[in-house]
Amino acid sequence: MKMVYLGADHRGFELKNKIVLELREKGWTVTDLTPKKDLDDDYTDISIKLGEKIVLEKALGILMCGSGAGVTVAANKVKGARAALAMTKKQARKIREDDNINVLCLAADFVNDEDNIEIVKDFLETPFMSEERFIRRINEIKEYENT
């Protein structure tokens, strides 16, 4: 089963809705963690909740805010979450291949919706390369997290 978690603040909300529809059309099971009532909820709450969920379930997640920076910083505070901003398809592929990123972060204000949707597709379709040097680096991060 292809499962992905999504979350967005008020600036990423419309993009998130478009991505939810696109992914469901492609057969993904999507769980939207975005609050339904208050679109002014802080990106920090949403990012941390999504980070915890993807670590617990060994899943993938996608976060959206205006710049993509805030959600990236907040999600990376969760032990085991590896969040990164991608603004191009090539960047989305590389963060999966090399760094096994489990949370894709998107900049709703700086990348158009169509390009962001393509970035999501490349992120979700790209496998981790599992080369020794990439595994070693990820393990170094895990080791630091455990100190």
N, C-alpha and C. Protein backbone atom coordinates (compact mmCIF):
# COMPACT_ATOMS: atom_id res chain seq x y z
N MET A 1 0.84 -1.19 0.00
CA MET A 1 0.00 0.00 0.00
C MET A 1 0.88 1.25 0.00
N LYS A 2 0.56 2.18 -0.84
CA LYS A 2 1.28 3.43 -0.92
C LYS A 2 0.60 4.44 0.00
N MET A 3 1.30 4.80 1.08
CA MET A 3 0.73 5.69 2.10
C MET A 3 1.59 6.92 2.25
N VAL A 4 0.96 8.08 2.38
CA VAL A 4 1.69 9.33 2.58
C VAL A 4 0.85 10.24 3.49
N TYR A 5 1.57 10.98 4.35
CA TYR A 5 0.94 11.96 5.23
C TYR A 5 1.22 13.35 4.69
N LEU A 6 0.22 14.24 4.77
CA LEU A 6 0.38 15.61 4.32
C LEU A 6 -0.02 16.58 5.42
N GLY A 7 0.61 17.75 5.40
CA GLY A 7 0.26 18.81 6.31
C GLY A 7 0.64 20.15 5.72
N ALA A 8 -0.14 21.18 6.08
CA ALA A 8 0.13 22.52 5.56
C ALA A 8 -0.38 23.57 6.53
N ASP A 9 0.28 24.72 6.49
CA ASP A 9 -0.27 25.86 7.21
C ASP A 9 -1.18 26.62 6.24
N HIS A 10 -1.62 27.81 6.64
CA HIS A 10 -2.56 28.57 5.81
C HIS A 10 -1.97 28.94 4.45
N ARG A 11 -0.66 29.16 4.37
CA ARG A 11 -0.05 29.54 3.08
C ARG A 11 0.12 28.35 2.14
N GLY A 12 0.19 27.15 2.68
CA GLY A 12 0.32 25.96 1.85
C GLY A 12 -0.98 25.21 1.65
N PHE A 13 -2.06 25.72 2.23
CA PHE A 13 -3.33 24.99 2.28
C PHE A 13 -3.90 24.65 0.90
N GLU A 14 -3.96 25.61 0.01
CA GLU A 14 -4.53 25.35 -1.33
C GLU A 14 -3.67 24.38 -2.13
N LEU A 15 -2.36 24.52 -2.05
CA LEU A 15 -1.45 23.57 -2.70
C LEU A 15 -1.67 22.17 -2.16
N LYS A 16 -1.79 22.06 -0.85
CA LYS A 16 -2.00 20.76 -0.21
C LYS A 16 -3.26 20.10 -0.74
N ASN A 17 -4.33 20.87 -0.88
CA ASN A 17 -5.59 20.30 -1.40
C ASN A 17 -5.41 19.75 -2.82
N LYS A 18 -4.66 20.45 -3.64
CA LYS A 18 -4.41 19.97 -5.00
C LYS A 18 -3.57 18.69 -4.99
N ILE A 19 -2.58 18.64 -4.11
CA ILE A 19 -1.72 17.45 -4.03
C ILE A 19 -2.50 16.25 -3.51
N VAL A 20 -3.37 16.46 -2.54
CA VAL A 20 -4.22 15.38 -2.03
C VAL A 20 -5.01 14.76 -3.18
N LEU A 21 -5.65 15.58 -3.98
CA LEU A 21 -6.45 15.08 -5.11
C LEU A 21 -5.59 14.32 -6.11
N GLU A 22 -4.45 14.89 -6.44
CA GLU A 22 -3.54 14.27 -7.41
C GLU A 22 -3.06 12.91 -6.91
N LEU A 23 -2.66 12.83 -5.67
CA LEU A 23 -2.13 11.56 -5.14
C LEU A 23 -3.22 10.50 -5.04
N ARG A 24 -4.40 10.89 -4.63
CA ARG A 24 -5.50 9.92 -4.55
C ARG A 24 -5.84 9.38 -5.93
N GLU A 25 -5.78 10.23 -6.95
CA GLU A 25 -6.01 9.77 -8.33
C GLU A 25 -4.96 8.75 -8.75
N LYS A 26 -3.75 8.89 -8.21
CA LYS A 26 -2.64 7.98 -8.56
C LYS A 26 -2.62 6.73 -7.68
N GLY A 27 -3.62 6.57 -6.81
CA GLY A 27 -3.72 5.37 -6.00
C GLY A 27 -3.06 5.42 -4.63
N TRP A 28 -2.62 6.58 -4.21
CA TRP A 28 -2.01 6.72 -2.89
C TRP A 28 -3.10 6.84 -1.82
N THR A 29 -2.83 6.27 -0.66
CA THR A 29 -3.66 6.52 0.51
C THR A 29 -3.07 7.74 1.19
N VAL A 30 -3.86 8.79 1.30
CA VAL A 30 -3.39 10.06 1.82
C VAL A 30 -4.08 10.35 3.15
N THR A 31 -3.29 10.66 4.16
CA THR A 31 -3.83 11.12 5.43
C THR A 31 -3.42 12.57 5.60
N ASP A 32 -4.41 13.44 5.65
CA ASP A 32 -4.19 14.87 5.77
C ASP A 32 -4.23 15.25 7.25
N LEU A 33 -3.12 15.72 7.77
CA LEU A 33 -3.01 16.10 9.18
C LEU A 33 -3.27 17.59 9.41
N THR A 34 -3.66 18.29 8.36
CA THR A 34 -3.93 19.72 8.46
C THR A 34 -5.20 19.96 9.25
N PRO A 35 -5.17 20.86 10.22
CA PRO A 35 -6.41 21.17 10.96
C PRO A 35 -7.50 21.66 10.01
N LYS A 36 -8.69 21.20 10.23
CA LYS A 36 -9.81 21.57 9.35
C LYS A 36 -10.47 22.88 9.76
N LYS A 37 -10.36 23.25 11.04
CA LYS A 37 -11.11 24.38 11.55
C LYS A 37 -10.34 25.70 11.51
N ASP A 38 -9.06 25.66 11.86
CA ASP A 38 -8.31 26.90 12.04
C ASP A 38 -7.10 26.93 11.12
N LEU A 39 -7.24 27.62 10.01
CA LEU A 39 -6.14 27.68 9.04
C LEU A 39 -5.00 28.55 9.50
N ASP A 40 -5.14 29.20 10.64
CA ASP A 40 -4.05 29.99 11.17
C ASP A 40 -3.20 29.21 12.17
N ASP A 41 -3.48 27.90 12.30
CA ASP A 41 -2.66 27.08 13.18
C ASP A 41 -1.20 27.19 12.75
N ASP A 42 -0.34 27.14 13.72
CA ASP A 42 1.08 27.29 13.45
C ASP A 42 1.64 26.09 12.69
N TYR A 43 2.53 26.36 11.76
CA TYR A 43 3.18 25.28 11.01
C TYR A 43 3.97 24.36 11.92
N THR A 44 4.39 24.89 13.07
CA THR A 44 5.19 24.07 13.99
C THR A 44 4.39 22.87 14.48
N ASP A 45 3.16 23.10 14.91
CA ASP A 45 2.33 22.00 15.42
C ASP A 45 2.10 20.94 14.35
N ILE A 46 1.78 21.39 13.15
CA ILE A 46 1.50 20.48 12.04
C ILE A 46 2.76 19.68 11.67
N SER A 47 3.89 20.36 11.61
CA SER A 47 5.15 19.72 11.21
C SER A 47 5.60 18.68 12.22
N ILE A 48 5.50 19.01 13.49
CA ILE A 48 5.92 18.07 14.52
C ILE A 48 4.99 16.86 14.54
N LYS A 49 3.70 17.09 14.42
CA LYS A 49 2.74 15.98 14.38
C LYS A 49 3.03 15.05 13.21
N LEU A 50 3.27 15.62 12.04
CA LEU A 50 3.57 14.81 10.86
C LEU A 50 4.90 14.08 11.05
N GLY A 51 5.91 14.76 11.57
CA GLY A 51 7.20 14.12 11.80
C GLY A 51 7.07 12.92 12.72
N GLU A 52 6.33 13.08 13.80
CA GLU A 52 6.13 11.96 14.73
C GLU A 52 5.41 10.80 14.06
N LYS A 53 4.43 11.10 13.26
CA LYS A 53 3.64 10.07 12.58
C LYS A 53 4.50 9.28 11.60
N ILE A 54 5.28 9.96 10.78
CA ILE A 54 6.06 9.24 9.76
C ILE A 54 7.19 8.42 10.39
N VAL A 55 7.74 8.89 11.50
CA VAL A 55 8.78 8.11 12.19
C VAL A 55 8.16 6.86 12.79
N LEU A 56 7.03 7.02 13.47
CA LEU A 56 6.36 5.90 14.11
C LEU A 56 5.94 4.84 13.09
N GLU A 57 5.43 5.28 11.96
CA GLU A 57 4.89 4.35 10.97
C GLU A 57 5.84 4.05 9.82
N LYS A 58 7.05 4.59 9.89
CA LYS A 58 8.03 4.40 8.81
C LYS A 58 7.40 4.73 7.44
N ALA A 59 6.80 5.89 7.40
CA ALA A 59 6.08 6.35 6.21
C ALA A 59 6.77 7.57 5.63
N LEU A 60 6.18 8.11 4.58
CA LEU A 60 6.65 9.35 3.96
C LEU A 60 5.65 10.46 4.27
N GLY A 61 6.16 11.69 4.30
CA GLY A 61 5.31 12.84 4.54
C GLY A 61 5.67 14.00 3.64
N ILE A 62 4.70 14.89 3.49
CA ILE A 62 4.89 16.10 2.69
C ILE A 62 4.32 17.27 3.48
N LEU A 63 5.13 18.31 3.65
CA LEU A 63 4.71 19.51 4.37
C LEU A 63 4.80 20.72 3.44
N MET A 64 3.88 21.66 3.63
CA MET A 64 3.86 22.86 2.81
C MET A 64 3.65 24.10 3.68
N CYS A 65 4.43 25.13 3.39
CA CYS A 65 4.20 26.45 3.96
C CYS A 65 4.62 27.45 2.89
N GLY A 66 4.66 28.70 3.22
CA GLY A 66 5.00 29.70 2.21
C GLY A 66 6.40 29.54 1.65
N SER A 67 7.39 29.50 2.52
CA SER A 67 8.78 29.40 2.07
C SER A 67 9.30 27.98 2.05
N GLY A 68 8.67 27.10 2.79
CA GLY A 68 9.16 25.73 2.94
C GLY A 68 10.18 25.62 4.05
N ALA A 69 10.70 26.73 4.52
CA ALA A 69 11.76 26.71 5.54
C ALA A 69 11.22 26.38 6.92
N GLY A 70 10.14 27.00 7.31
CA GLY A 70 9.60 26.78 8.65
C GLY A 70 9.23 25.33 8.90
N VAL A 71 8.52 24.72 7.95
CA VAL A 71 8.13 23.32 8.14
C VAL A 71 9.35 22.40 8.15
N THR A 72 10.37 22.75 7.39
CA THR A 72 11.59 21.95 7.36
C THR A 72 12.28 21.97 8.72
N VAL A 73 12.46 23.14 9.27
CA VAL A 73 13.12 23.28 10.57
C VAL A 73 12.32 22.53 11.64
N ALA A 74 11.01 22.75 11.68
CA ALA A 74 10.18 22.14 12.73
C ALA A 74 10.17 20.61 12.62
N ALA A 75 10.00 20.08 11.43
CA ALA A 75 9.96 18.62 11.26
C ALA A 75 11.28 17.99 11.64
N ASN A 76 12.38 18.67 11.37
CA ASN A 76 13.69 18.11 11.69
C ASN A 76 13.97 18.07 13.19
N LYS A 77 13.12 18.66 14.01
CA LYS A 77 13.28 18.56 15.46
C LYS A 77 12.79 17.20 15.98
N VAL A 78 12.07 16.47 15.16
CA VAL A 78 11.56 15.15 15.54
C VAL A 78 12.65 14.12 15.28
N LYS A 79 13.05 13.40 16.30
CA LYS A 79 14.08 12.37 16.19
C LYS A 79 13.64 11.33 15.16
N GLY A 80 14.48 11.14 14.14
CA GLY A 80 14.19 10.17 13.09
C GLY A 80 13.59 10.77 11.84
N ALA A 81 13.10 12.01 11.94
CA ALA A 81 12.58 12.68 10.75
C ALA A 81 13.76 13.30 10.01
N ARG A 82 13.74 13.14 8.69
CA ARG A 82 14.74 13.76 7.83
C ARG A 82 13.97 14.57 6.80
N ALA A 83 13.80 15.85 7.09
CA ALA A 83 13.01 16.74 6.24
C ALA A 83 13.91 17.62 5.40
N ALA A 84 13.50 17.84 4.16
CA ALA A 84 14.28 18.72 3.28
C ALA A 84 13.35 19.44 2.31
N LEU A 85 13.71 20.66 2.01
CA LEU A 85 13.01 21.48 1.03
C LEU A 85 13.48 21.10 -0.37
N ALA A 86 12.54 20.92 -1.27
CA ALA A 86 12.89 20.71 -2.68
C ALA A 86 12.12 21.72 -3.52
N MET A 87 12.85 22.38 -4.42
CA MET A 87 12.23 23.37 -5.28
C MET A 87 12.33 23.01 -6.75
N THR A 88 12.94 21.85 -7.03
CA THR A 88 13.00 21.33 -8.40
C THR A 88 12.80 19.81 -8.37
N LYS A 89 12.44 19.25 -9.50
CA LYS A 89 12.30 17.80 -9.61
C LYS A 89 13.63 17.10 -9.36
N LYS A 90 14.70 17.64 -9.91
CA LYS A 90 16.01 17.02 -9.73
C LYS A 90 16.40 17.00 -8.26
N GLN A 91 16.14 18.09 -7.58
CA GLN A 91 16.44 18.15 -6.15
C GLN A 91 15.61 17.13 -5.38
N ALA A 92 14.34 16.95 -5.73
CA ALA A 92 13.48 15.96 -5.07
C ALA A 92 14.02 14.55 -5.24
N ARG A 93 14.51 14.25 -6.43
CA ARG A 93 15.08 12.91 -6.67
C ARG A 93 16.36 12.72 -5.85
N LYS A 94 17.21 13.72 -5.81
CA LYS A 94 18.49 13.58 -5.11
C LYS A 94 18.31 13.46 -3.59
N ILE A 95 17.36 14.18 -3.02
CA ILE A 95 17.18 14.07 -1.57
C ILE A 95 16.65 12.70 -1.17
N ARG A 96 15.95 12.04 -2.07
CA ARG A 96 15.50 10.66 -1.80
C ARG A 96 16.65 9.67 -2.06
N GLU A 97 17.31 9.81 -3.20
CA GLU A 97 18.37 8.87 -3.57
C GLU A 97 19.54 8.89 -2.58
N ASP A 98 19.99 10.06 -2.22
CA ASP A 98 21.22 10.19 -1.43
C ASP A 98 20.96 10.23 0.07
N ASP A 99 19.89 10.87 0.50
CA ASP A 99 19.69 11.16 1.92
C ASP A 99 18.50 10.44 2.54
N ASN A 100 17.78 9.68 1.71
CA ASN A 100 16.59 8.94 2.18
C ASN A 100 15.67 9.84 3.00
N ILE A 101 15.45 11.03 2.47
CA ILE A 101 14.57 12.00 3.12
C ILE A 101 13.18 11.39 3.24
N ASN A 102 12.58 11.53 4.43
CA ASN A 102 11.25 10.98 4.63
C ASN A 102 10.16 12.05 4.74
N VAL A 103 10.55 13.31 4.74
CA VAL A 103 9.58 14.41 4.73
C VAL A 103 10.00 15.42 3.66
N LEU A 104 9.21 15.52 2.62
CA LEU A 104 9.42 16.51 1.58
C LEU A 104 8.75 17.81 2.02
N CYS A 105 9.46 18.92 1.90
CA CYS A 105 8.92 20.23 2.25
C CYS A 105 8.84 21.07 0.98
N LEU A 106 7.72 21.76 0.84
CA LEU A 106 7.46 22.54 -0.37
C LEU A 106 7.22 24.01 -0.03
N ALA A 107 7.63 24.87 -0.97
CA ALA A 107 7.47 26.32 -0.84
C ALA A 107 6.31 26.77 -1.72
N ALA A 108 5.16 26.94 -1.12
CA ALA A 108 3.96 27.32 -1.88
C ALA A 108 4.07 28.71 -2.50
N ASP A 109 4.83 29.60 -1.88
CA ASP A 109 4.93 30.97 -2.38
C ASP A 109 5.98 31.16 -3.48
N PHE A 110 6.88 30.19 -3.65
CA PHE A 110 7.99 30.38 -4.57
C PHE A 110 8.04 29.40 -5.73
N VAL A 111 7.23 28.36 -5.68
CA VAL A 111 7.17 27.37 -6.75
C VAL A 111 5.70 27.21 -7.12
N ASN A 112 5.38 27.26 -8.42
CA ASN A 112 3.97 27.17 -8.81
C ASN A 112 3.41 25.77 -8.51
N ASP A 113 2.10 25.69 -8.43
CA ASP A 113 1.43 24.45 -8.03
C ASP A 113 1.77 23.28 -8.94
N GLU A 114 1.78 23.51 -10.24
CA GLU A 114 2.06 22.42 -11.19
C GLU A 114 3.46 21.86 -10.98
N ASP A 115 4.43 22.73 -10.80
CA ASP A 115 5.80 22.27 -10.55
C ASP A 115 5.90 21.55 -9.21
N ASN A 116 5.21 22.06 -8.19
CA ASN A 116 5.22 21.39 -6.89
C ASN A 116 4.62 19.99 -6.98
N ILE A 117 3.58 19.83 -7.77
CA ILE A 117 2.98 18.51 -7.95
C ILE A 117 3.98 17.57 -8.63
N GLU A 118 4.71 18.06 -9.60
CA GLU A 118 5.73 17.23 -10.26
C GLU A 118 6.87 16.88 -9.29
N ILE A 119 7.23 17.82 -8.43
CA ILE A 119 8.25 17.57 -7.42
C ILE A 119 7.79 16.44 -6.49
N VAL A 120 6.53 16.48 -6.09
CA VAL A 120 5.97 15.43 -5.23
C VAL A 120 6.05 14.08 -5.92
N LYS A 121 5.66 14.03 -7.19
CA LYS A 121 5.70 12.75 -7.92
C LYS A 121 7.12 12.19 -7.96
N ASP A 122 8.09 13.03 -8.26
CA ASP A 122 9.48 12.55 -8.32
C ASP A 122 9.96 12.09 -6.95
N PHE A 123 9.62 12.82 -5.92
CA PHE A 123 9.99 12.43 -4.56
C PHE A 123 9.43 11.05 -4.21
N LEU A 124 8.15 10.85 -4.47
CA LEU A 124 7.50 9.60 -4.08
C LEU A 124 7.92 8.41 -4.94
N GLU A 125 8.33 8.67 -6.16
CA GLU A 125 8.69 7.58 -7.07
C GLU A 125 10.18 7.22 -7.04
N THR A 126 10.98 7.99 -6.32
CA THR A 126 12.43 7.78 -6.31
C THR A 126 12.82 6.94 -5.10
N PRO A 127 13.52 5.83 -5.32
CA PRO A 127 13.97 5.01 -4.18
C PRO A 127 15.31 5.51 -3.62
N PHE A 128 15.56 5.18 -2.38
CA PHE A 128 16.86 5.43 -1.75
C PHE A 128 17.88 4.52 -2.41
N MET A 129 19.07 5.04 -2.70
CA MET A 129 20.09 4.28 -3.43
C MET A 129 20.79 3.23 -2.57
N SER A 130 20.73 3.35 -1.27
CA SER A 130 21.30 2.36 -0.35
C SER A 130 22.79 2.10 -0.54
N GLU A 131 23.52 3.06 -1.07
CA GLU A 131 24.97 2.90 -1.18
C GLU A 131 25.59 3.06 0.20
N GLU A 132 26.71 2.40 0.41
CA GLU A 132 27.36 2.38 1.72
C GLU A 132 27.59 3.79 2.25
N ARG A 133 28.06 4.70 1.41
CA ARG A 133 28.37 6.06 1.89
C ARG A 133 27.11 6.80 2.34
N PHE A 134 25.98 6.54 1.68
CA PHE A 134 24.74 7.19 2.07
C PHE A 134 24.23 6.61 3.39
N ILE A 135 24.31 5.31 3.52
CA ILE A 135 23.89 4.64 4.76
C ILE A 135 24.77 5.10 5.92
N ARG A 136 26.07 5.19 5.70
CA ARG A 136 27.00 5.63 6.73
C ARG A 136 26.62 7.03 7.23
N ARG A 137 26.33 7.92 6.32
CA ARG A 137 26.00 9.31 6.70
C ARG A 137 24.70 9.37 7.50
N ILE A 138 23.70 8.62 7.06
CA ILE A 138 22.43 8.59 7.79
C ILE A 138 22.64 8.01 9.19
N ASN A 139 23.47 6.97 9.28
CA ASN A 139 23.76 6.38 10.59
C ASN A 139 24.50 7.35 11.50
N GLU A 140 25.34 8.20 10.93
CA GLU A 140 26.02 9.22 11.72
C GLU A 140 25.01 10.20 12.31
N ILE A 141 24.01 10.54 11.54
CA ILE A 141 22.94 11.44 12.03
C ILE A 141 22.17 10.75 13.14
N LYS A 142 21.81 9.49 12.94
CA LYS A 142 21.09 8.73 13.97
C LYS A 142 21.91 8.64 15.25
N GLU A 143 23.20 8.41 15.10
CA GLU A 143 24.08 8.31 16.27
C GLU A 143 24.08 9.63 17.04
N TYR A 144 24.15 10.73 16.32
CA TYR A 144 24.13 12.03 16.98
C TYR A 144 22.80 12.26 17.69
N GLU A 145 21.69 11.87 17.05
CA GLU A 145 20.38 12.03 17.67
C GLU A 145 20.27 11.25 18.98
N ASN A 146 21.00 10.17 19.08
CA ASN A 146 20.92 9.32 20.27
C ASN A 146 21.88 9.73 21.38
N THR A 147 22.64 10.83 21.18
CA THR A 147 23.56 11.27 22.23
C THR A 147 22.91 12.28 23.15
